[in-house]
């Protein structure tokens, strides 16, 4: 999958460091989460839902739409608190449902709903990221 790169992030990070109120990376991590949120909402709306209950690999019987209901965003930040990333995925038990729908199987064609959600909401995600970082900078500047 193609990595997304925003221009000016290095300069913005230097400005945040100059403010010395990075809140231990919470502002950056929150901005990355905010940038991924539009894709999560789009994926939840467009996820394929079957019509029959089915069993997971552990034998648990689940209702149609289980994979959609377990979608989540996981954010991480490095030890220097200057590089954050976000991953959109399902919980572990719904992993195979999502993968089989996303890339298909030899019996079933692919229905790439996760990739499509990420691509369709890229501009909205970048805007949400910028707005979140802007609010964090304004809060940090107000505290000075």
N, C-alpha and C. Protein backbone atom coordinates (compact mmCIF):
# COMPACT_ATOMS: atom_id res chain seq x y z
N UNK A 1 0.84 -1.17 0.00
CA UNK A 1 0.00 0.00 0.00
C UNK A 1 0.88 1.23 0.00
N UNK A 2 0.47 2.26 -0.69
CA UNK A 2 1.24 3.48 -0.82
C UNK A 2 1.23 4.28 0.48
N UNK A 3 2.38 4.77 0.89
CA UNK A 3 2.48 5.60 2.08
C UNK A 3 2.09 7.03 1.73
N UNK A 4 1.44 7.68 2.66
CA UNK A 4 1.02 9.06 2.46
C UNK A 4 2.01 9.98 3.14
N UNK A 5 2.42 11.03 2.45
CA UNK A 5 3.39 11.98 2.99
C UNK A 5 2.81 13.38 2.90
N UNK A 6 2.85 14.08 4.01
CA UNK A 6 2.39 15.46 4.03
C UNK A 6 3.59 16.38 4.00
N UNK A 7 3.50 17.41 3.21
CA UNK A 7 4.59 18.38 3.12
C UNK A 7 4.52 19.32 4.32
N UNK A 8 5.67 19.74 4.80
CA UNK A 8 5.73 20.71 5.89
C UNK A 8 5.66 20.11 7.28
N UNK A 9 5.56 18.80 7.38
CA UNK A 9 5.45 18.17 8.70
C UNK A 9 6.74 18.37 9.50
N UNK A 10 7.89 18.31 8.85
CA UNK A 10 9.16 18.50 9.57
C UNK A 10 9.23 19.90 10.19
N UNK A 11 8.83 20.91 9.42
CA UNK A 11 8.85 22.28 9.95
C UNK A 11 7.84 22.43 11.08
N UNK A 12 6.69 21.81 10.93
CA UNK A 12 5.68 21.87 11.98
C UNK A 12 6.16 21.18 13.25
N UNK A 13 6.82 20.05 13.11
CA UNK A 13 7.37 19.34 14.26
C UNK A 13 8.40 20.19 14.98
N UNK A 14 9.23 20.91 14.23
CA UNK A 14 10.21 21.80 14.85
C UNK A 14 9.52 22.91 15.62
N UNK A 15 8.43 23.44 15.07
CA UNK A 15 7.69 24.48 15.78
C UNK A 15 7.09 23.93 17.07
N UNK A 16 6.53 22.72 17.00
CA UNK A 16 5.97 22.10 18.20
C UNK A 16 7.04 21.86 19.24
N UNK A 17 8.21 21.41 18.79
CA UNK A 17 9.32 21.20 19.73
C UNK A 17 9.75 22.52 20.35
N UNK A 18 9.72 23.60 19.57
CA UNK A 18 10.09 24.91 20.10
C UNK A 18 9.11 25.35 21.18
N UNK A 19 7.85 24.96 21.06
CA UNK A 19 6.87 25.30 22.08
C UNK A 19 7.07 24.47 23.36
N UNK A 20 7.80 23.39 23.26
CA UNK A 20 8.11 22.48 24.37
C UNK A 20 6.87 21.94 25.08
N UNK A 21 5.74 21.92 24.40
CA UNK A 21 4.53 21.37 25.02
C UNK A 21 3.96 20.31 24.07
N UNK A 22 4.70 19.30 23.82
CA UNK A 22 4.21 18.22 22.97
C UNK A 22 3.32 17.25 23.74
N UNK A 23 3.19 17.48 25.03
CA UNK A 23 2.35 16.62 25.86
C UNK A 23 2.77 15.16 25.72
N UNK A 24 4.06 14.94 25.65
CA UNK A 24 4.60 13.58 25.50
C UNK A 24 4.06 12.88 24.25
N UNK A 25 3.85 13.63 23.19
CA UNK A 25 3.43 13.05 21.92
C UNK A 25 1.93 12.89 21.76
N UNK A 26 1.15 13.25 22.77
CA UNK A 26 -0.31 13.07 22.66
C UNK A 26 -0.91 13.93 21.56
N UNK A 27 -0.39 15.14 21.34
CA UNK A 27 -0.93 16.01 20.29
C UNK A 27 -0.71 15.38 18.91
N UNK A 28 0.49 14.89 18.66
CA UNK A 28 0.79 14.27 17.36
C UNK A 28 -0.01 12.98 17.18
N UNK A 29 -0.05 12.17 18.22
CA UNK A 29 -0.79 10.91 18.15
C UNK A 29 -2.28 11.17 17.93
N UNK A 30 -2.82 12.18 18.59
CA UNK A 30 -4.22 12.53 18.41
C UNK A 30 -4.50 13.05 17.01
N UNK A 31 -3.56 13.80 16.46
CA UNK A 31 -3.74 14.32 15.10
C UNK A 31 -3.73 13.18 14.08
N UNK A 32 -2.86 12.21 14.28
CA UNK A 32 -2.81 11.06 13.37
C UNK A 32 -4.12 10.27 13.45
N UNK A 33 -4.63 10.10 14.68
CA UNK A 33 -5.92 9.41 14.86
C UNK A 33 -7.04 10.20 14.16
N UNK A 34 -7.04 11.52 14.32
CA UNK A 34 -8.05 12.36 13.68
C UNK A 34 -7.97 12.24 12.16
N UNK A 35 -6.77 12.12 11.63
CA UNK A 35 -6.60 11.97 10.19
C UNK A 35 -7.11 10.64 9.66
N UNK A 36 -7.12 9.61 10.50
CA UNK A 36 -7.59 8.29 10.09
C UNK A 36 -9.09 8.12 10.31
N UNK A 37 -9.68 8.95 11.14
CA UNK A 37 -11.09 8.80 11.51
C UNK A 37 -12.05 8.84 10.31
N UNK A 38 -11.88 9.76 9.32
CA UNK A 38 -12.79 9.72 8.17
C UNK A 38 -12.75 8.39 7.42
N UNK A 39 -11.58 7.77 7.32
CA UNK A 39 -11.48 6.47 6.64
C UNK A 39 -12.20 5.39 7.44
N UNK A 40 -12.10 5.45 8.77
CA UNK A 40 -12.79 4.48 9.62
C UNK A 40 -14.30 4.60 9.43
N UNK A 41 -14.82 5.81 9.46
CA UNK A 41 -16.26 6.01 9.28
C UNK A 41 -16.73 5.54 7.91
N UNK A 42 -15.94 5.83 6.87
CA UNK A 42 -16.28 5.38 5.52
C UNK A 42 -16.24 3.85 5.43
N UNK A 43 -15.23 3.24 6.03
CA UNK A 43 -15.11 1.78 6.00
C UNK A 43 -16.29 1.13 6.73
N UNK A 44 -16.71 1.71 7.84
CA UNK A 44 -17.85 1.16 8.57
C UNK A 44 -19.13 1.24 7.75
N UNK A 45 -19.26 2.30 6.96
CA UNK A 45 -20.47 2.44 6.13
C UNK A 45 -20.46 1.51 4.92
N UNK A 46 -19.28 1.23 4.38
CA UNK A 46 -19.22 0.48 3.12
C UNK A 46 -18.80 -0.98 3.28
N UNK A 47 -18.56 -1.41 4.50
CA UNK A 47 -18.12 -2.80 4.70
C UNK A 47 -19.21 -3.77 4.24
N UNK A 48 -18.80 -4.81 3.51
CA UNK A 48 -19.79 -5.79 3.07
C UNK A 48 -20.33 -6.57 4.28
N UNK A 49 -21.62 -6.82 4.26
CA UNK A 49 -22.27 -7.54 5.35
C UNK A 49 -23.04 -8.70 4.74
N UNK A 50 -22.76 -9.89 5.24
CA UNK A 50 -23.46 -11.07 4.75
C UNK A 50 -24.89 -11.13 5.29
N UNK A 51 -25.56 -12.23 5.02
CA UNK A 51 -26.94 -12.38 5.47
C UNK A 51 -27.12 -13.52 6.46
N UNK A 52 -26.05 -14.29 6.68
CA UNK A 52 -26.15 -15.46 7.55
C UNK A 52 -25.13 -15.37 8.69
N UNK A 53 -25.50 -15.82 9.88
CA UNK A 53 -24.48 -15.92 10.95
C UNK A 53 -23.42 -16.92 10.52
N UNK A 54 -22.22 -16.78 11.04
CA UNK A 54 -21.16 -17.71 10.70
C UNK A 54 -20.22 -17.90 11.89
N UNK A 55 -19.39 -18.92 11.80
CA UNK A 55 -18.46 -19.24 12.88
C UNK A 55 -17.08 -18.68 12.56
N UNK A 56 -16.44 -18.16 13.60
CA UNK A 56 -15.07 -17.69 13.48
C UNK A 56 -14.14 -18.87 13.65
N UNK A 57 -12.84 -18.62 13.50
CA UNK A 57 -11.87 -19.72 13.60
C UNK A 57 -11.84 -20.35 14.99
N UNK A 58 -12.30 -19.63 16.02
CA UNK A 58 -12.33 -20.20 17.37
C UNK A 58 -13.66 -20.87 17.68
N UNK A 59 -14.58 -20.92 16.70
CA UNK A 59 -15.86 -21.57 16.87
C UNK A 59 -16.99 -20.67 17.33
N UNK A 60 -16.71 -19.42 17.63
CA UNK A 60 -17.71 -18.48 18.08
C UNK A 60 -18.67 -18.15 16.94
N UNK A 61 -19.97 -18.26 17.19
CA UNK A 61 -20.98 -17.92 16.20
C UNK A 61 -21.26 -16.42 16.29
N UNK A 62 -21.12 -15.72 15.16
CA UNK A 62 -21.32 -14.27 15.14
C UNK A 62 -22.36 -13.88 14.10
N UNK A 63 -22.98 -12.75 14.33
CA UNK A 63 -24.01 -12.24 13.44
C UNK A 63 -23.37 -11.58 12.22
N UNK A 64 -24.13 -11.42 11.13
CA UNK A 64 -23.62 -10.68 9.98
C UNK A 64 -23.20 -9.27 10.40
N UNK A 65 -22.11 -8.78 9.85
CA UNK A 65 -21.61 -7.46 10.19
C UNK A 65 -20.61 -7.44 11.33
N UNK A 66 -20.19 -8.62 11.77
CA UNK A 66 -19.25 -8.70 12.89
C UNK A 66 -17.94 -7.98 12.57
N UNK A 67 -17.39 -8.20 11.40
CA UNK A 67 -16.11 -7.55 11.05
C UNK A 67 -16.26 -6.04 11.05
N UNK A 68 -17.35 -5.54 10.53
CA UNK A 68 -17.58 -4.10 10.50
C UNK A 68 -17.65 -3.53 11.92
N UNK A 69 -18.28 -4.27 12.81
CA UNK A 69 -18.43 -3.77 14.18
C UNK A 69 -17.12 -3.79 14.96
N UNK A 70 -16.11 -4.50 14.48
CA UNK A 70 -14.84 -4.56 15.20
C UNK A 70 -13.76 -3.68 14.59
N UNK A 71 -14.11 -2.89 13.59
CA UNK A 71 -13.12 -1.98 13.00
C UNK A 71 -12.63 -1.00 14.05
N UNK A 72 -11.34 -0.69 14.00
CA UNK A 72 -10.75 0.23 14.97
C UNK A 72 -9.51 0.88 14.40
N UNK A 73 -9.05 1.92 15.09
CA UNK A 73 -7.81 2.59 14.74
C UNK A 73 -6.83 2.37 15.88
N UNK A 74 -5.63 1.94 15.52
CA UNK A 74 -4.56 1.77 16.50
C UNK A 74 -3.47 2.76 16.14
N UNK A 75 -3.10 3.62 17.10
CA UNK A 75 -2.05 4.60 16.85
C UNK A 75 -0.82 4.26 17.69
N UNK A 76 0.33 4.55 17.13
CA UNK A 76 1.59 4.35 17.84
C UNK A 76 2.46 5.57 17.64
N UNK A 77 3.43 5.73 18.54
CA UNK A 77 4.37 6.83 18.43
C UNK A 77 5.73 6.31 18.86
N UNK A 78 6.78 6.82 18.22
CA UNK A 78 8.13 6.32 18.53
C UNK A 78 8.60 6.90 19.87
N UNK A 79 9.72 6.41 20.34
CA UNK A 79 10.22 6.81 21.66
C UNK A 79 10.64 8.27 21.71
N UNK A 80 11.02 8.86 20.58
CA UNK A 80 11.39 10.28 20.54
C UNK A 80 10.16 11.18 20.50
N UNK A 81 8.98 10.59 20.36
CA UNK A 81 7.70 11.31 20.33
C UNK A 81 7.59 12.27 19.15
N UNK A 82 8.21 11.91 18.01
CA UNK A 82 8.13 12.79 16.85
C UNK A 82 7.64 12.10 15.58
N UNK A 83 7.37 10.81 15.63
CA UNK A 83 6.83 10.07 14.48
C UNK A 83 5.68 9.21 14.98
N UNK A 84 4.50 9.48 14.45
CA UNK A 84 3.31 8.72 14.84
C UNK A 84 2.74 8.03 13.61
N UNK A 85 2.07 6.92 13.83
CA UNK A 85 1.41 6.22 12.73
C UNK A 85 0.08 5.66 13.21
N UNK A 86 -0.80 5.40 12.26
CA UNK A 86 -2.11 4.84 12.56
C UNK A 86 -2.39 3.68 11.63
N UNK A 87 -3.03 2.67 12.18
CA UNK A 87 -3.42 1.49 11.41
C UNK A 87 -4.92 1.28 11.62
N UNK A 88 -5.63 1.08 10.52
CA UNK A 88 -7.04 0.75 10.62
C UNK A 88 -7.17 -0.75 10.37
N UNK A 89 -7.80 -1.44 11.30
CA UNK A 89 -7.92 -2.88 11.18
C UNK A 89 -9.13 -3.36 11.97
N UNK A 90 -9.40 -4.64 11.86
CA UNK A 90 -10.44 -5.26 12.68
C UNK A 90 -9.76 -5.91 13.88
N UNK A 91 -10.54 -6.31 14.83
CA UNK A 91 -9.99 -7.07 15.95
C UNK A 91 -9.51 -8.43 15.43
N UNK A 92 -8.69 -9.09 16.20
CA UNK A 92 -8.02 -10.31 15.73
C UNK A 92 -8.99 -11.38 15.23
N UNK A 93 -10.09 -11.62 15.92
CA UNK A 93 -11.00 -12.69 15.51
C UNK A 93 -11.70 -12.40 14.18
N UNK A 94 -11.84 -11.13 13.82
CA UNK A 94 -12.50 -10.78 12.56
C UNK A 94 -11.50 -10.59 11.43
N UNK A 95 -10.23 -10.82 11.70
CA UNK A 95 -9.18 -10.57 10.71
C UNK A 95 -9.44 -11.32 9.40
N UNK A 96 -9.72 -12.61 9.48
CA UNK A 96 -9.87 -13.40 8.25
C UNK A 96 -11.09 -12.97 7.46
N UNK A 97 -12.16 -12.58 8.14
CA UNK A 97 -13.33 -12.07 7.41
C UNK A 97 -12.95 -10.87 6.56
N UNK A 98 -12.24 -9.93 7.18
CA UNK A 98 -11.85 -8.71 6.46
C UNK A 98 -10.89 -9.02 5.33
N UNK A 99 -9.92 -9.88 5.56
CA UNK A 99 -8.94 -10.22 4.53
C UNK A 99 -9.60 -10.93 3.37
N UNK A 100 -10.47 -11.88 3.64
CA UNK A 100 -11.12 -12.61 2.56
C UNK A 100 -11.99 -11.67 1.72
N UNK A 101 -12.66 -10.73 2.34
CA UNK A 101 -13.45 -9.76 1.60
C UNK A 101 -12.55 -8.81 0.81
N UNK A 102 -11.49 -8.36 1.45
CA UNK A 102 -10.61 -7.35 0.85
C UNK A 102 -9.84 -7.88 -0.35
N UNK A 103 -9.22 -9.05 -0.22
CA UNK A 103 -8.39 -9.56 -1.31
C UNK A 103 -8.99 -10.76 -2.04
N UNK A 104 -10.09 -11.29 -1.52
CA UNK A 104 -10.76 -12.40 -2.17
C UNK A 104 -10.11 -13.74 -1.88
N UNK A 105 -10.74 -14.78 -2.38
CA UNK A 105 -10.23 -16.14 -2.26
C UNK A 105 -10.37 -16.79 -3.63
N UNK A 106 -9.99 -18.03 -3.74
CA UNK A 106 -10.14 -18.69 -5.04
C UNK A 106 -11.61 -18.94 -5.36
N UNK A 107 -12.48 -18.91 -4.34
CA UNK A 107 -13.91 -19.11 -4.55
C UNK A 107 -14.70 -17.80 -4.64
N UNK A 108 -14.09 -16.70 -4.20
CA UNK A 108 -14.84 -15.45 -4.06
C UNK A 108 -13.99 -14.28 -4.56
N UNK A 109 -14.57 -13.41 -5.37
CA UNK A 109 -13.81 -12.25 -5.85
C UNK A 109 -13.54 -11.25 -4.73
N UNK A 110 -12.55 -10.42 -4.94
CA UNK A 110 -12.20 -9.39 -3.96
C UNK A 110 -13.22 -8.27 -3.96
N UNK A 111 -13.47 -7.73 -2.77
CA UNK A 111 -14.32 -6.54 -2.58
C UNK A 111 -13.52 -5.58 -1.71
N UNK A 112 -12.60 -4.82 -2.31
CA UNK A 112 -11.66 -3.99 -1.53
C UNK A 112 -12.32 -2.76 -0.88
N UNK A 113 -12.96 -2.94 0.24
CA UNK A 113 -13.65 -1.85 0.92
C UNK A 113 -12.72 -1.05 1.83
N UNK A 114 -11.71 -1.66 2.42
CA UNK A 114 -10.78 -0.92 3.28
C UNK A 114 -9.90 0.02 2.46
N UNK A 115 -9.32 -0.50 1.39
CA UNK A 115 -8.50 0.35 0.52
C UNK A 115 -9.30 1.50 -0.06
N UNK A 116 -10.51 1.19 -0.51
CA UNK A 116 -11.36 2.21 -1.10
C UNK A 116 -11.69 3.29 -0.07
N UNK A 117 -11.95 2.90 1.16
CA UNK A 117 -12.25 3.89 2.21
C UNK A 117 -11.05 4.80 2.45
N UNK A 118 -9.86 4.21 2.47
CA UNK A 118 -8.65 5.02 2.67
C UNK A 118 -8.43 5.99 1.51
N UNK A 119 -8.58 5.52 0.30
CA UNK A 119 -8.36 6.37 -0.87
C UNK A 119 -9.43 7.45 -1.01
N UNK A 120 -10.68 7.09 -0.75
CA UNK A 120 -11.78 8.05 -0.93
C UNK A 120 -11.76 9.17 0.11
N UNK A 121 -11.16 8.92 1.25
CA UNK A 121 -11.19 9.91 2.33
C UNK A 121 -9.83 10.55 2.58
N UNK A 122 -8.93 10.41 1.66
CA UNK A 122 -7.57 10.95 1.86
C UNK A 122 -7.57 12.46 2.12
N UNK A 123 -8.28 13.22 1.30
CA UNK A 123 -8.31 14.68 1.48
C UNK A 123 -8.94 15.06 2.82
N UNK A 124 -10.04 14.41 3.18
CA UNK A 124 -10.69 14.69 4.46
C UNK A 124 -9.77 14.33 5.62
N UNK A 125 -9.03 13.24 5.48
CA UNK A 125 -8.09 12.83 6.52
C UNK A 125 -6.96 13.83 6.70
N UNK A 126 -6.43 14.32 5.59
CA UNK A 126 -5.36 15.31 5.68
C UNK A 126 -5.86 16.60 6.31
N UNK A 127 -7.07 17.00 5.97
CA UNK A 127 -7.66 18.20 6.56
C UNK A 127 -7.87 18.02 8.06
N UNK A 128 -8.39 16.87 8.46
CA UNK A 128 -8.61 16.60 9.88
C UNK A 128 -7.28 16.59 10.64
N UNK A 129 -6.24 16.02 10.04
CA UNK A 129 -4.91 16.01 10.66
C UNK A 129 -4.42 17.44 10.88
N UNK A 130 -4.49 18.24 9.83
CA UNK A 130 -4.01 19.63 9.91
C UNK A 130 -4.79 20.42 10.95
N UNK A 131 -6.11 20.25 10.99
CA UNK A 131 -6.92 20.97 11.97
C UNK A 131 -6.59 20.55 13.40
N UNK A 132 -6.39 19.27 13.60
CA UNK A 132 -6.06 18.77 14.93
C UNK A 132 -4.71 19.29 15.40
N UNK A 133 -3.72 19.26 14.52
CA UNK A 133 -2.40 19.81 14.86
C UNK A 133 -2.50 21.30 15.11
N UNK A 134 -3.30 22.01 14.31
CA UNK A 134 -3.48 23.44 14.49
C UNK A 134 -4.07 23.77 15.86
N UNK A 135 -5.07 22.98 16.27
CA UNK A 135 -5.65 23.18 17.60
C UNK A 135 -4.64 22.91 18.70
N UNK A 136 -3.82 21.88 18.52
CA UNK A 136 -2.80 21.54 19.52
C UNK A 136 -1.76 22.66 19.63
N UNK A 137 -1.35 23.20 18.49
CA UNK A 137 -0.38 24.30 18.50
C UNK A 137 -0.99 25.52 19.19
N UNK A 138 -2.24 25.82 18.88
CA UNK A 138 -2.91 26.98 19.50
C UNK A 138 -3.02 26.80 21.01
N UNK A 139 -3.38 25.60 21.47
CA UNK A 139 -3.44 25.32 22.90
C UNK A 139 -2.07 25.47 23.55
N UNK A 140 -1.05 24.92 22.89
CA UNK A 140 0.30 25.00 23.44
C UNK A 140 0.79 26.44 23.50
N UNK A 141 0.49 27.20 22.45
CA UNK A 141 0.92 28.61 22.42
C UNK A 141 0.19 29.41 23.50
N UNK A 142 -1.07 29.09 23.77
CA UNK A 142 -1.85 29.80 24.78
C UNK A 142 -1.30 29.53 26.18
N UNK A 143 -0.71 28.35 26.38
CA UNK A 143 -0.16 27.99 27.69
C UNK A 143 1.15 28.71 27.98
N UNK A 144 1.81 29.22 26.95
CA UNK A 144 3.11 29.87 27.12
C UNK A 144 2.98 31.20 27.77
